[in-house]
Amino acid sequence: MPKPVFEMKVDGIDQLLKTFKAYFDDIENDPIILNAMAVIGKDVEAKAKDILNEVIYNTPPSPTYNRTGLLRARTVSDSPKVVKGEPTVTVRSKQKYAPFIELGTKKPNPRPFLRPAALAEKDNALKTLTKGLTKFLKAKVVK
């Protein structure tokens, strides 16, 4: 089964970063921007764990799965990196059965936790990235 991959795009950010890149060619590798991406990743990770608590761990036991807490414990955000010229952070579960929980199978219905977490944190991600860009600009312009 393929790994569930979800991209969260914030409208206008890609164009904004392209505009900044025209003036500051190092923006995507700047520690301020990468730190903002790390914060976004941690926020989405925390929200995914909250959703897991609600969807899986706070529901009555089911004969189709055991609740060990491994799915929640192994849901992590990776360090931010630059992919195709864009700063990127990945939030994923290291647990092998995570795609079956997220996407479902024939018997158990999907119980998504990564996609809803990303969607729920979209506005916060925009605010965090805006703060990061402001801090980046102040560091570059006010030298």
N, C-alpha and C. Protein backbone atom coordinates (compact mmCIF):
# COMPACT_ATOMS: atom_id res chain seq x y z
N MET A 1 0.85 -1.18 0.00
CA MET A 1 0.00 0.00 0.00
C MET A 1 0.90 1.24 0.00
N PRO A 2 0.59 2.21 -0.84
CA PRO A 2 1.43 3.42 -0.87
C PRO A 2 1.30 4.22 0.41
N LYS A 3 2.37 4.92 0.73
CA LYS A 3 2.36 5.78 1.90
C LYS A 3 1.46 6.98 1.64
N PRO A 4 0.65 7.36 2.62
CA PRO A 4 -0.19 8.55 2.41
C PRO A 4 0.68 9.80 2.43
N VAL A 5 0.61 10.56 1.38
CA VAL A 5 1.37 11.81 1.30
C VAL A 5 0.38 12.92 1.02
N PHE A 6 0.40 13.92 1.86
CA PHE A 6 -0.51 15.04 1.70
C PHE A 6 0.32 16.30 1.69
N GLU A 7 0.07 17.14 0.73
CA GLU A 7 0.75 18.42 0.68
C GLU A 7 -0.22 19.48 1.16
N MET A 8 0.31 20.35 1.99
CA MET A 8 -0.50 21.47 2.45
C MET A 8 0.04 22.71 1.75
N LYS A 9 -0.76 23.29 0.92
CA LYS A 9 -0.37 24.50 0.22
C LYS A 9 -1.15 25.67 0.82
N VAL A 10 -0.44 26.74 1.10
CA VAL A 10 -1.09 27.95 1.56
C VAL A 10 -1.09 28.91 0.38
N ASP A 11 -2.29 29.30 -0.07
CA ASP A 11 -2.43 30.13 -1.26
C ASP A 11 -1.57 31.38 -1.18
N GLY A 12 -0.80 31.60 -2.23
CA GLY A 12 -0.01 32.82 -2.34
C GLY A 12 1.39 32.73 -1.76
N ILE A 13 1.64 31.74 -0.89
CA ILE A 13 2.96 31.65 -0.26
C ILE A 13 4.04 31.31 -1.28
N ASP A 14 3.73 30.40 -2.22
CA ASP A 14 4.74 30.05 -3.21
C ASP A 14 5.14 31.26 -4.05
N GLN A 15 4.16 32.09 -4.43
CA GLN A 15 4.45 33.30 -5.20
C GLN A 15 5.22 34.30 -4.35
N LEU A 16 4.85 34.41 -3.08
CA LEU A 16 5.55 35.32 -2.17
C LEU A 16 7.01 34.90 -2.01
N LEU A 17 7.25 33.61 -1.84
CA LEU A 17 8.63 33.13 -1.71
C LEU A 17 9.42 33.36 -3.00
N LYS A 18 8.78 33.19 -4.15
CA LYS A 18 9.45 33.47 -5.43
C LYS A 18 9.84 34.94 -5.52
N THR A 19 8.95 35.82 -5.07
CA THR A 19 9.24 37.25 -5.09
C THR A 19 10.43 37.56 -4.18
N PHE A 20 10.40 37.02 -2.96
CA PHE A 20 11.52 37.23 -2.04
C PHE A 20 12.82 36.64 -2.61
N LYS A 21 12.72 35.49 -3.27
CA LYS A 21 13.91 34.84 -3.82
C LYS A 21 14.58 35.71 -4.89
N ALA A 22 13.79 36.54 -5.58
CA ALA A 22 14.36 37.45 -6.57
C ALA A 22 15.32 38.45 -5.92
N TYR A 23 15.06 38.78 -4.65
CA TYR A 23 15.90 39.74 -3.94
C TYR A 23 16.89 39.07 -2.99
N PHE A 24 16.49 37.94 -2.43
CA PHE A 24 17.33 37.23 -1.46
C PHE A 24 17.45 35.78 -1.92
N ASP A 25 18.53 35.45 -2.61
CA ASP A 25 18.65 34.12 -3.19
C ASP A 25 18.86 33.02 -2.16
N ASP A 26 19.10 33.36 -0.91
CA ASP A 26 19.34 32.35 0.12
C ASP A 26 18.14 32.13 1.04
N ILE A 27 16.97 32.64 0.66
CA ILE A 27 15.82 32.62 1.57
C ILE A 27 15.41 31.20 1.96
N GLU A 28 15.43 30.24 1.03
CA GLU A 28 14.94 28.92 1.36
C GLU A 28 15.86 28.15 2.31
N ASN A 29 17.13 28.55 2.38
CA ASN A 29 18.09 27.88 3.28
C ASN A 29 18.32 28.67 4.56
N ASP A 30 17.66 29.80 4.71
CA ASP A 30 17.89 30.64 5.88
C ASP A 30 17.37 29.95 7.15
N PRO A 31 18.16 29.96 8.22
CA PRO A 31 17.73 29.32 9.47
C PRO A 31 16.41 29.87 10.03
N ILE A 32 16.13 31.14 9.80
CA ILE A 32 14.88 31.72 10.30
C ILE A 32 13.68 31.06 9.61
N ILE A 33 13.76 30.90 8.30
CA ILE A 33 12.67 30.28 7.54
C ILE A 33 12.56 28.80 7.89
N LEU A 34 13.70 28.11 7.96
CA LEU A 34 13.68 26.69 8.31
C LEU A 34 13.14 26.47 9.73
N ASN A 35 13.44 27.40 10.63
CA ASN A 35 12.91 27.30 11.99
C ASN A 35 11.38 27.47 11.97
N ALA A 36 10.89 28.39 11.16
CA ALA A 36 9.43 28.57 11.04
C ALA A 36 8.79 27.29 10.50
N MET A 37 9.45 26.65 9.55
CA MET A 37 8.93 25.39 9.01
C MET A 37 8.93 24.30 10.08
N ALA A 38 9.96 24.28 10.92
CA ALA A 38 10.02 23.30 12.01
C ALA A 38 8.87 23.50 12.98
N VAL A 39 8.56 24.76 13.29
CA VAL A 39 7.44 25.07 14.19
C VAL A 39 6.13 24.58 13.57
N ILE A 40 5.96 24.82 12.28
CA ILE A 40 4.75 24.37 11.59
C ILE A 40 4.64 22.85 11.67
N GLY A 41 5.75 22.15 11.44
CA GLY A 41 5.75 20.69 11.52
C GLY A 41 5.36 20.19 12.90
N LYS A 42 5.90 20.83 13.94
CA LYS A 42 5.58 20.42 15.32
C LYS A 42 4.10 20.69 15.64
N ASP A 43 3.57 21.79 15.11
CA ASP A 43 2.15 22.11 15.34
C ASP A 43 1.25 21.06 14.68
N VAL A 44 1.58 20.67 13.45
CA VAL A 44 0.79 19.66 12.75
C VAL A 44 0.92 18.31 13.45
N GLU A 45 2.13 17.99 13.89
CA GLU A 45 2.35 16.74 14.63
C GLU A 45 1.49 16.70 15.89
N ALA A 46 1.48 17.78 16.66
CA ALA A 46 0.68 17.85 17.89
C ALA A 46 -0.80 17.70 17.58
N LYS A 47 -1.26 18.34 16.51
CA LYS A 47 -2.68 18.25 16.13
C LYS A 47 -3.02 16.82 15.70
N ALA A 48 -2.13 16.17 14.97
CA ALA A 48 -2.36 14.78 14.55
C ALA A 48 -2.49 13.88 15.78
N LYS A 49 -1.66 14.11 16.78
CA LYS A 49 -1.74 13.31 18.01
C LYS A 49 -3.03 13.59 18.76
N ASP A 50 -3.48 14.83 18.76
CA ASP A 50 -4.78 15.16 19.37
C ASP A 50 -5.91 14.42 18.66
N ILE A 51 -5.85 14.41 17.34
CA ILE A 51 -6.88 13.72 16.55
C ILE A 51 -6.84 12.22 16.83
N LEU A 52 -5.65 11.66 16.93
CA LEU A 52 -5.54 10.23 17.27
C LEU A 52 -6.17 9.96 18.63
N ASN A 53 -5.96 10.84 19.58
CA ASN A 53 -6.58 10.67 20.89
C ASN A 53 -8.09 10.63 20.78
N GLU A 54 -8.66 11.52 19.97
CA GLU A 54 -10.11 11.60 19.81
C GLU A 54 -10.66 10.43 19.00
N VAL A 55 -10.03 10.14 17.87
CA VAL A 55 -10.57 9.18 16.90
C VAL A 55 -10.32 7.73 17.32
N ILE A 56 -9.18 7.46 17.91
CA ILE A 56 -8.83 6.07 18.19
C ILE A 56 -8.79 5.77 19.68
N TYR A 57 -8.05 6.53 20.42
CA TYR A 57 -7.77 6.15 21.79
C TYR A 57 -8.89 6.46 22.77
N ASN A 58 -9.80 7.35 22.43
CA ASN A 58 -10.92 7.67 23.31
C ASN A 58 -12.23 7.05 22.84
N THR A 59 -12.15 5.99 22.05
CA THR A 59 -13.34 5.29 21.58
C THR A 59 -13.36 3.90 22.20
N PRO A 60 -14.53 3.26 22.22
CA PRO A 60 -14.58 1.91 22.78
C PRO A 60 -13.65 0.95 22.02
N PRO A 61 -13.10 -0.04 22.71
CA PRO A 61 -12.21 -1.00 22.05
C PRO A 61 -12.89 -1.70 20.89
N SER A 62 -12.10 -2.06 19.91
CA SER A 62 -12.60 -2.75 18.73
C SER A 62 -11.85 -4.06 18.57
N PRO A 63 -12.52 -5.10 18.10
CA PRO A 63 -11.81 -6.37 17.91
C PRO A 63 -10.84 -6.33 16.73
N THR A 64 -10.92 -5.29 15.89
CA THR A 64 -10.06 -5.25 14.71
C THR A 64 -8.70 -4.62 14.97
N TYR A 65 -8.51 -4.00 16.13
CA TYR A 65 -7.20 -3.41 16.40
C TYR A 65 -6.95 -3.31 17.90
N ASN A 66 -5.69 -3.33 18.25
CA ASN A 66 -5.28 -3.13 19.63
C ASN A 66 -4.78 -1.70 19.78
N ARG A 67 -5.08 -1.09 20.89
CA ARG A 67 -4.62 0.28 21.13
C ARG A 67 -3.38 0.24 22.01
N THR A 68 -2.24 0.35 21.39
CA THR A 68 -0.97 0.30 22.12
C THR A 68 -0.37 1.67 22.34
N GLY A 69 -0.80 2.66 21.56
CA GLY A 69 -0.22 4.00 21.64
C GLY A 69 0.96 4.18 20.70
N LEU A 70 1.33 3.12 19.98
CA LEU A 70 2.49 3.23 19.08
C LEU A 70 2.25 4.17 17.91
N LEU A 71 1.03 4.18 17.39
CA LEU A 71 0.74 5.07 16.26
C LEU A 71 0.95 6.52 16.67
N ARG A 72 0.45 6.87 17.84
CA ARG A 72 0.62 8.24 18.35
C ARG A 72 2.10 8.51 18.65
N ALA A 73 2.75 7.58 19.31
CA ALA A 73 4.15 7.78 19.70
C ALA A 73 5.08 7.88 18.50
N ARG A 74 4.75 7.20 17.43
CA ARG A 74 5.63 7.18 16.26
C ARG A 74 5.20 8.16 15.17
N THR A 75 4.29 9.07 15.50
CA THR A 75 3.93 10.15 14.57
C THR A 75 4.85 11.32 14.87
N VAL A 76 5.64 11.71 13.88
CA VAL A 76 6.70 12.69 14.08
C VAL A 76 6.73 13.71 12.95
N SER A 77 7.37 14.83 13.23
CA SER A 77 7.68 15.78 12.16
C SER A 77 9.19 15.73 11.95
N ASP A 78 9.58 15.61 10.71
CA ASP A 78 11.00 15.56 10.37
C ASP A 78 11.60 16.96 10.38
N SER A 79 12.90 17.02 10.37
CA SER A 79 13.58 18.31 10.27
C SER A 79 13.26 18.94 8.92
N PRO A 80 13.09 20.25 8.88
CA PRO A 80 12.80 20.90 7.60
C PRO A 80 13.99 20.79 6.65
N LYS A 81 13.68 20.71 5.37
CA LYS A 81 14.72 20.66 4.35
C LYS A 81 14.20 21.38 3.10
N VAL A 82 15.09 21.61 2.17
CA VAL A 82 14.73 22.28 0.93
C VAL A 82 14.51 21.22 -0.14
N VAL A 83 13.32 21.20 -0.74
CA VAL A 83 12.98 20.25 -1.79
C VAL A 83 12.56 21.06 -3.01
N LYS A 84 13.28 20.89 -4.10
CA LYS A 84 13.00 21.62 -5.34
C LYS A 84 12.92 23.12 -5.11
N GLY A 85 13.82 23.64 -4.29
CA GLY A 85 13.91 25.07 -4.06
C GLY A 85 12.90 25.63 -3.08
N GLU A 86 12.12 24.76 -2.42
CA GLU A 86 11.13 25.22 -1.46
C GLU A 86 11.39 24.61 -0.09
N PRO A 87 11.33 25.42 0.97
CA PRO A 87 11.46 24.84 2.31
C PRO A 87 10.26 23.94 2.60
N THR A 88 10.56 22.74 3.10
CA THR A 88 9.52 21.73 3.28
C THR A 88 9.71 21.03 4.63
N VAL A 89 8.61 20.67 5.25
CA VAL A 89 8.65 19.86 6.47
C VAL A 89 7.67 18.71 6.27
N THR A 90 8.05 17.52 6.72
CA THR A 90 7.22 16.34 6.57
C THR A 90 6.75 15.88 7.93
N VAL A 91 5.45 15.64 8.04
CA VAL A 91 4.87 15.04 9.24
C VAL A 91 4.38 13.66 8.81
N ARG A 92 4.82 12.62 9.53
CA ARG A 92 4.49 11.26 9.12
C ARG A 92 4.44 10.35 10.33
N SER A 93 3.94 9.16 10.10
CA SER A 93 3.98 8.14 11.13
C SER A 93 4.96 7.07 10.69
N LYS A 94 5.83 6.68 11.59
CA LYS A 94 6.81 5.64 11.31
C LYS A 94 6.20 4.25 11.45
N GLN A 95 4.98 4.18 11.94
CA GLN A 95 4.32 2.90 12.15
C GLN A 95 3.87 2.34 10.81
N LYS A 96 4.17 1.07 10.54
CA LYS A 96 3.89 0.47 9.23
C LYS A 96 2.41 0.44 8.88
N TYR A 97 1.56 0.34 9.88
CA TYR A 97 0.14 0.24 9.58
C TYR A 97 -0.55 1.60 9.50
N ALA A 98 0.17 2.69 9.61
CA ALA A 98 -0.42 4.03 9.56
C ALA A 98 -1.24 4.27 8.29
N PRO A 99 -0.77 3.84 7.10
CA PRO A 99 -1.59 4.08 5.90
C PRO A 99 -2.96 3.39 5.98
N PHE A 100 -3.02 2.24 6.65
CA PHE A 100 -4.29 1.53 6.76
C PHE A 100 -5.26 2.27 7.68
N ILE A 101 -4.72 2.94 8.70
CA ILE A 101 -5.56 3.73 9.59
C ILE A 101 -6.01 5.00 8.85
N GLU A 102 -5.07 5.67 8.21
CA GLU A 102 -5.36 6.93 7.52
C GLU A 102 -6.32 6.74 6.34
N LEU A 103 -6.08 5.72 5.54
CA LEU A 103 -6.84 5.53 4.30
C LEU A 103 -7.91 4.46 4.39
N GLY A 104 -7.82 3.58 5.41
CA GLY A 104 -8.78 2.50 5.57
C GLY A 104 -8.47 1.33 4.65
N THR A 105 -9.21 0.25 4.85
CA THR A 105 -9.12 -0.95 4.00
C THR A 105 -10.55 -1.41 3.75
N LYS A 106 -10.71 -2.66 3.30
CA LYS A 106 -12.06 -3.17 3.07
C LYS A 106 -12.88 -3.23 4.35
N LYS A 107 -12.25 -3.70 5.43
CA LYS A 107 -13.01 -3.86 6.69
C LYS A 107 -13.02 -2.59 7.52
N PRO A 108 -11.90 -2.13 8.06
CA PRO A 108 -12.02 -0.90 8.85
C PRO A 108 -12.10 0.32 7.94
N ASN A 109 -13.00 1.20 8.30
CA ASN A 109 -13.14 2.45 7.57
C ASN A 109 -11.93 3.34 7.84
N PRO A 110 -11.69 4.32 6.96
CA PRO A 110 -10.58 5.24 7.21
C PRO A 110 -10.81 6.03 8.50
N ARG A 111 -9.73 6.23 9.22
CA ARG A 111 -9.75 7.10 10.39
C ARG A 111 -8.59 8.08 10.24
N PRO A 112 -8.74 9.03 9.33
CA PRO A 112 -7.64 9.94 9.02
C PRO A 112 -7.23 10.79 10.21
N PHE A 113 -5.93 11.02 10.31
CA PHE A 113 -5.40 11.88 11.36
C PHE A 113 -4.36 12.84 10.83
N LEU A 114 -3.66 12.49 9.76
CA LEU A 114 -2.64 13.39 9.20
C LEU A 114 -3.27 14.50 8.35
N ARG A 115 -4.13 14.12 7.45
CA ARG A 115 -4.76 15.11 6.57
C ARG A 115 -5.59 16.12 7.36
N PRO A 116 -6.45 15.69 8.29
CA PRO A 116 -7.21 16.67 9.07
C PRO A 116 -6.31 17.57 9.92
N ALA A 117 -5.20 17.02 10.39
CA ALA A 117 -4.27 17.83 11.19
C ALA A 117 -3.67 18.95 10.33
N ALA A 118 -3.26 18.60 9.12
CA ALA A 118 -2.68 19.60 8.23
C ALA A 118 -3.71 20.67 7.88
N LEU A 119 -4.94 20.26 7.62
CA LEU A 119 -5.98 21.23 7.28
C LEU A 119 -6.33 22.12 8.47
N ALA A 120 -6.35 21.54 9.66
CA ALA A 120 -6.69 22.31 10.86
C ALA A 120 -5.62 23.34 11.19
N GLU A 121 -4.38 23.05 10.84
CA GLU A 121 -3.26 23.94 11.17
C GLU A 121 -2.90 24.91 10.05
N LYS A 122 -3.68 24.93 8.99
CA LYS A 122 -3.35 25.77 7.83
C LYS A 122 -3.24 27.25 8.19
N ASP A 123 -4.20 27.78 8.94
CA ASP A 123 -4.16 29.19 9.31
C ASP A 123 -2.98 29.50 10.23
N ASN A 124 -2.73 28.61 11.19
CA ASN A 124 -1.58 28.80 12.07
C ASN A 124 -0.27 28.74 11.30
N ALA A 125 -0.22 27.87 10.30
CA ALA A 125 0.98 27.76 9.47
C ALA A 125 1.25 29.07 8.74
N LEU A 126 0.19 29.68 8.22
CA LEU A 126 0.32 30.96 7.53
C LEU A 126 0.85 32.03 8.48
N LYS A 127 0.31 32.07 9.70
CA LYS A 127 0.76 33.06 10.68
C LYS A 127 2.23 32.83 11.06
N THR A 128 2.59 31.57 11.27
CA THR A 128 3.97 31.25 11.64
C THR A 128 4.93 31.61 10.52
N LEU A 129 4.57 31.29 9.28
CA LEU A 129 5.44 31.61 8.15
C LEU A 129 5.52 33.12 7.94
N THR A 130 4.43 33.82 8.16
CA THR A 130 4.44 35.29 8.04
C THR A 130 5.39 35.90 9.07
N LYS A 131 5.32 35.40 10.30
CA LYS A 131 6.25 35.88 11.34
C LYS A 131 7.69 35.58 10.95
N GLY A 132 7.92 34.38 10.41
CA GLY A 132 9.27 34.01 9.98
C GLY A 132 9.78 34.91 8.87
N LEU A 133 8.92 35.19 7.89
CA LEU A 133 9.32 36.08 6.79
C LEU A 133 9.59 37.50 7.29
N THR A 134 8.78 37.96 8.23
CA THR A 134 8.99 39.30 8.80
C THR A 134 10.33 39.36 9.52
N LYS A 135 10.62 38.34 10.30
CA LYS A 135 11.89 38.27 11.03
C LYS A 135 13.07 38.19 10.04
N PHE A 136 12.90 37.42 8.97
CA PHE A 136 13.93 37.30 7.94
C PHE A 136 14.20 38.66 7.30
N LEU A 137 13.14 39.37 6.94
CA LEU A 137 13.30 40.67 6.29
C LEU A 137 13.96 41.67 7.23
N LYS A 138 13.57 41.67 8.50
CA LYS A 138 14.19 42.59 9.45
C LYS A 138 15.68 42.28 9.59
N ALA A 139 16.03 41.02 9.60
CA ALA A 139 17.45 40.64 9.72
C ALA A 139 18.24 41.06 8.47
N LYS A 140 17.62 41.01 7.30
CA LYS A 140 18.31 41.35 6.05
C LYS A 140 18.37 42.86 5.80
N VAL A 141 17.27 43.53 6.07
CA VAL A 141 17.15 44.94 5.70
C VAL A 141 17.70 45.88 6.77
N VAL A 142 17.56 45.53 8.03
CA VAL A 142 17.91 46.44 9.11
C VAL A 142 19.34 46.19 9.60
N LYS A 143 20.21 45.73 8.76
CA LYS A 143 21.59 45.45 9.18
C LYS A 143 22.33 46.67 9.53
